[in-house]
Amino acid sequence: MLHPSYTDLMKVVNSQAEEGEEPIVTSRYSIVLATAKRARQIIARQSGENAPGLQVSKPLSKAVKELNEGKIRILPENEETEEES
């Protein structure tokens, strides 16, 4: 079983939305995409940094933990494209 659960993660992400706005995340699929994207970012950043024998948490576990702690945000699609421009 995944800890925290998808529903818990969805609550954390949606708590970042302004009152009266639509929820940021409406499906588990959005959570999966966001954590996978963050895990890929972590992997890219860690390439070559790890010393042999050093215990490092798995990138996906780290991404889920960051999302649950509110350290990363999921942006609605329209905001994401505006920030990338």
N, C-alpha and C. Protein backbone atom coordinates (compact mmCIF):
# COMPACT_ATOMS: atom_id res chain seq x y z
N MET A 1 0.84 -1.18 0.00
CA MET A 1 0.00 0.00 0.00
C MET A 1 0.89 1.24 0.00
N LEU A 2 0.48 2.23 -0.75
CA LEU A 2 1.22 3.48 -0.86
C LEU A 2 0.91 4.37 0.34
N HIS A 3 1.94 4.85 0.97
CA HIS A 3 1.77 5.79 2.08
C HIS A 3 2.53 7.04 1.74
N PRO A 4 1.96 8.18 1.69
CA PRO A 4 0.55 8.48 1.87
C PRO A 4 -0.28 8.00 0.69
N SER A 5 -1.56 7.89 0.89
CA SER A 5 -2.44 7.40 -0.17
C SER A 5 -2.64 8.48 -1.24
N TYR A 6 -3.18 8.05 -2.38
CA TYR A 6 -3.48 9.01 -3.45
C TYR A 6 -4.44 10.09 -2.96
N THR A 7 -5.44 9.68 -2.20
CA THR A 7 -6.42 10.66 -1.72
C THR A 7 -5.78 11.68 -0.78
N ASP A 8 -4.85 11.22 0.05
CA ASP A 8 -4.14 12.14 0.94
C ASP A 8 -3.31 13.13 0.13
N LEU A 9 -2.61 12.64 -0.89
CA LEU A 9 -1.81 13.51 -1.74
C LEU A 9 -2.69 14.52 -2.48
N MET A 10 -3.85 14.06 -2.95
CA MET A 10 -4.76 14.96 -3.65
C MET A 10 -5.25 16.07 -2.71
N LYS A 11 -5.51 15.74 -1.45
CA LYS A 11 -5.94 16.75 -0.48
C LYS A 11 -4.84 17.78 -0.25
N VAL A 12 -3.59 17.33 -0.13
CA VAL A 12 -2.47 18.24 0.08
C VAL A 12 -2.33 19.20 -1.09
N VAL A 13 -2.36 18.65 -2.30
CA VAL A 13 -2.21 19.48 -3.50
C VAL A 13 -3.36 20.45 -3.64
N ASN A 14 -4.57 19.98 -3.44
CA ASN A 14 -5.74 20.84 -3.60
C ASN A 14 -5.88 21.87 -2.49
N SER A 15 -5.21 21.68 -1.37
CA SER A 15 -5.25 22.67 -0.30
C SER A 15 -4.48 23.93 -0.70
N GLN A 16 -3.65 23.83 -1.73
CA GLN A 16 -2.88 24.98 -2.21
C GLN A 16 -3.70 25.89 -3.12
N ALA A 17 -4.87 25.43 -3.54
CA ALA A 17 -5.72 26.23 -4.43
C ALA A 17 -6.40 27.33 -3.64
N GLU A 18 -6.59 28.46 -4.29
CA GLU A 18 -7.31 29.57 -3.66
C GLU A 18 -8.75 29.16 -3.41
N GLU A 19 -9.36 29.73 -2.40
CA GLU A 19 -10.76 29.41 -2.12
C GLU A 19 -11.65 29.89 -3.26
N GLY A 20 -12.55 29.04 -3.69
CA GLY A 20 -13.44 29.36 -4.79
C GLY A 20 -12.91 28.90 -6.15
N GLU A 21 -11.63 28.53 -6.22
CA GLU A 21 -11.06 28.02 -7.47
C GLU A 21 -11.37 26.53 -7.61
N GLU A 22 -11.24 26.05 -8.83
CA GLU A 22 -11.40 24.62 -9.06
C GLU A 22 -10.22 23.89 -8.45
N PRO A 23 -10.40 22.61 -8.06
CA PRO A 23 -9.28 21.84 -7.53
C PRO A 23 -8.17 21.73 -8.57
N ILE A 24 -6.94 21.72 -8.12
CA ILE A 24 -5.80 21.60 -9.02
C ILE A 24 -5.74 20.19 -9.60
N VAL A 25 -5.99 19.20 -8.74
CA VAL A 25 -5.91 17.80 -9.15
C VAL A 25 -7.28 17.16 -8.97
N THR A 26 -7.73 16.47 -10.02
CA THR A 26 -9.03 15.81 -9.92
C THR A 26 -8.93 14.30 -10.12
N SER A 27 -7.71 13.79 -10.35
CA SER A 27 -7.57 12.36 -10.56
C SER A 27 -6.22 11.86 -10.05
N ARG A 28 -6.16 10.57 -9.81
CA ARG A 28 -4.91 9.94 -9.40
C ARG A 28 -3.85 10.07 -10.48
N TYR A 29 -4.30 10.06 -11.72
CA TYR A 29 -3.40 10.15 -12.87
C TYR A 29 -2.53 11.42 -12.77
N SER A 30 -3.11 12.52 -12.35
CA SER A 30 -2.36 13.77 -12.19
C SER A 30 -1.27 13.64 -11.14
N ILE A 31 -1.59 12.94 -10.06
CA ILE A 31 -0.59 12.71 -9.00
C ILE A 31 0.55 11.85 -9.54
N VAL A 32 0.21 10.80 -10.28
CA VAL A 32 1.23 9.91 -10.85
C VAL A 32 2.13 10.69 -11.80
N LEU A 33 1.55 11.50 -12.68
CA LEU A 33 2.35 12.28 -13.62
C LEU A 33 3.28 13.26 -12.90
N ALA A 34 2.75 13.93 -11.90
CA ALA A 34 3.55 14.92 -11.17
C ALA A 34 4.71 14.28 -10.42
N THR A 35 4.46 13.17 -9.75
CA THR A 35 5.54 12.51 -9.00
C THR A 35 6.56 11.90 -9.95
N ALA A 36 6.12 11.37 -11.08
CA ALA A 36 7.05 10.81 -12.06
C ALA A 36 7.94 11.91 -12.64
N LYS A 37 7.35 13.06 -12.94
CA LYS A 37 8.12 14.18 -13.48
C LYS A 37 9.16 14.64 -12.46
N ARG A 38 8.75 14.77 -11.21
CA ARG A 38 9.68 15.19 -10.16
C ARG A 38 10.77 14.15 -9.95
N ALA A 39 10.43 12.87 -9.99
CA ALA A 39 11.43 11.80 -9.83
C ALA A 39 12.47 11.88 -10.94
N ARG A 40 12.04 12.15 -12.18
CA ARG A 40 12.99 12.30 -13.29
C ARG A 40 13.91 13.49 -13.07
N GLN A 41 13.38 14.59 -12.50
CA GLN A 41 14.21 15.75 -12.20
C GLN A 41 15.26 15.39 -11.15
N ILE A 42 14.86 14.63 -10.13
CA ILE A 42 15.78 14.22 -9.08
C ILE A 42 16.88 13.33 -9.65
N ILE A 43 16.50 12.39 -10.51
CA ILE A 43 17.47 11.48 -11.12
C ILE A 43 18.47 12.29 -11.95
N ALA A 44 17.99 13.23 -12.75
CA ALA A 44 18.87 14.03 -13.59
C ALA A 44 19.84 14.85 -12.75
N ARG A 45 19.36 15.36 -11.63
CA ARG A 45 20.21 16.17 -10.76
C ARG A 45 21.25 15.33 -10.03
N GLN A 46 20.89 14.08 -9.69
CA GLN A 46 21.78 13.23 -8.90
C GLN A 46 22.80 12.49 -9.74
N SER A 47 22.66 12.49 -11.04
CA SER A 47 23.58 11.73 -11.89
C SER A 47 25.02 12.11 -11.59
N GLY A 48 25.79 11.13 -11.18
CA GLY A 48 27.20 11.33 -10.92
C GLY A 48 27.52 11.92 -9.55
N GLU A 49 26.52 12.32 -8.78
CA GLU A 49 26.79 12.93 -7.47
C GLU A 49 26.98 11.90 -6.36
N ASN A 50 26.42 10.72 -6.51
CA ASN A 50 26.40 9.75 -5.42
C ASN A 50 27.72 8.99 -5.30
N ALA A 51 28.24 8.94 -4.10
CA ALA A 51 29.43 8.16 -3.84
C ALA A 51 29.04 6.70 -3.67
N PRO A 52 29.89 5.77 -4.06
CA PRO A 52 29.56 4.35 -3.90
C PRO A 52 29.29 4.01 -2.44
N GLY A 53 28.27 3.20 -2.21
CA GLY A 53 27.95 2.75 -0.86
C GLY A 53 27.11 3.73 -0.06
N LEU A 54 26.85 4.89 -0.60
CA LEU A 54 26.05 5.89 0.11
C LEU A 54 24.57 5.54 -0.01
N GLN A 55 23.86 5.50 1.12
CA GLN A 55 22.43 5.17 1.12
C GLN A 55 21.62 6.39 0.67
N VAL A 56 20.91 6.25 -0.42
CA VAL A 56 20.11 7.34 -0.97
C VAL A 56 18.68 6.83 -1.15
N SER A 57 17.71 7.67 -0.77
CA SER A 57 16.33 7.24 -0.96
C SER A 57 16.01 7.19 -2.44
N LYS A 58 15.04 6.38 -2.79
CA LYS A 58 14.65 6.22 -4.19
C LYS A 58 14.00 7.52 -4.67
N PRO A 59 14.27 7.91 -5.92
CA PRO A 59 13.74 9.17 -6.43
C PRO A 59 12.21 9.29 -6.35
N LEU A 60 11.50 8.22 -6.64
CA LEU A 60 10.04 8.30 -6.58
C LEU A 60 9.56 8.48 -5.14
N SER A 61 10.18 7.78 -4.20
CA SER A 61 9.82 7.95 -2.79
C SER A 61 10.08 9.37 -2.33
N LYS A 62 11.20 9.92 -2.78
CA LYS A 62 11.54 11.30 -2.42
C LYS A 62 10.52 12.27 -3.02
N ALA A 63 10.11 12.03 -4.27
CA ALA A 63 9.14 12.90 -4.93
C ALA A 63 7.79 12.87 -4.21
N VAL A 64 7.35 11.68 -3.81
CA VAL A 64 6.07 11.55 -3.09
C VAL A 64 6.16 12.28 -1.75
N LYS A 65 7.29 12.13 -1.07
CA LYS A 65 7.48 12.79 0.23
C LYS A 65 7.45 14.30 0.06
N GLU A 66 8.14 14.82 -0.96
CA GLU A 66 8.15 16.26 -1.21
C GLU A 66 6.75 16.78 -1.51
N LEU A 67 5.99 16.04 -2.30
CA LEU A 67 4.63 16.45 -2.63
C LEU A 67 3.75 16.45 -1.38
N ASN A 68 3.87 15.43 -0.56
CA ASN A 68 3.08 15.33 0.66
C ASN A 68 3.41 16.44 1.66
N GLU A 69 4.67 16.86 1.69
CA GLU A 69 5.10 17.91 2.62
C GLU A 69 4.83 19.31 2.07
N GLY A 70 4.33 19.39 0.84
CA GLY A 70 4.04 20.69 0.24
C GLY A 70 5.26 21.41 -0.28
N LYS A 71 6.37 20.70 -0.44
CA LYS A 71 7.61 21.32 -0.92
C LYS A 71 7.57 21.58 -2.43
N ILE A 72 6.73 20.84 -3.15
CA ILE A 72 6.57 21.08 -4.58
C ILE A 72 5.10 21.31 -4.87
N ARG A 73 4.83 22.02 -5.94
CA ARG A 73 3.45 22.34 -6.32
C ARG A 73 3.15 21.78 -7.70
N ILE A 74 1.92 21.42 -7.89
CA ILE A 74 1.44 21.03 -9.21
C ILE A 74 0.69 22.24 -9.76
N LEU A 75 1.12 22.71 -10.91
CA LEU A 75 0.47 23.86 -11.52
C LEU A 75 -0.58 23.40 -12.52
N PRO A 76 -1.69 24.11 -12.59
CA PRO A 76 -2.66 23.80 -13.64
C PRO A 76 -1.99 23.98 -15.00
N GLU A 77 -2.47 23.28 -16.01
CA GLU A 77 -1.84 23.31 -17.33
C GLU A 77 -1.67 24.71 -17.88
N ASN A 78 -2.66 25.58 -17.72
CA ASN A 78 -2.55 26.93 -18.28
C ASN A 78 -1.45 27.74 -17.60
N GLU A 79 -1.21 27.57 -16.31
CA GLU A 79 -0.13 28.28 -15.61
C GLU A 79 1.22 27.72 -16.00
N GLU A 80 1.31 26.41 -16.18
CA GLU A 80 2.57 25.77 -16.51
C GLU A 80 3.11 26.28 -17.84
N THR A 81 2.26 26.42 -18.83
CA THR A 81 2.72 26.89 -20.14
C THR A 81 3.09 28.37 -20.09
N GLU A 82 2.42 29.16 -19.26
CA GLU A 82 2.76 30.57 -19.12
C GLU A 82 4.13 30.74 -18.48
N GLU A 83 4.46 29.93 -17.47
CA GLU A 83 5.74 30.05 -16.79
C GLU A 83 6.90 29.58 -17.66
N GLU A 84 6.67 28.63 -18.55
CA GLU A 84 7.72 28.11 -19.40
C GLU A 84 8.08 29.10 -20.51
N SER A 85 7.19 30.00 -20.85
CA SER A 85 7.43 30.94 -21.95
C SER A 85 8.45 31.98 -21.59
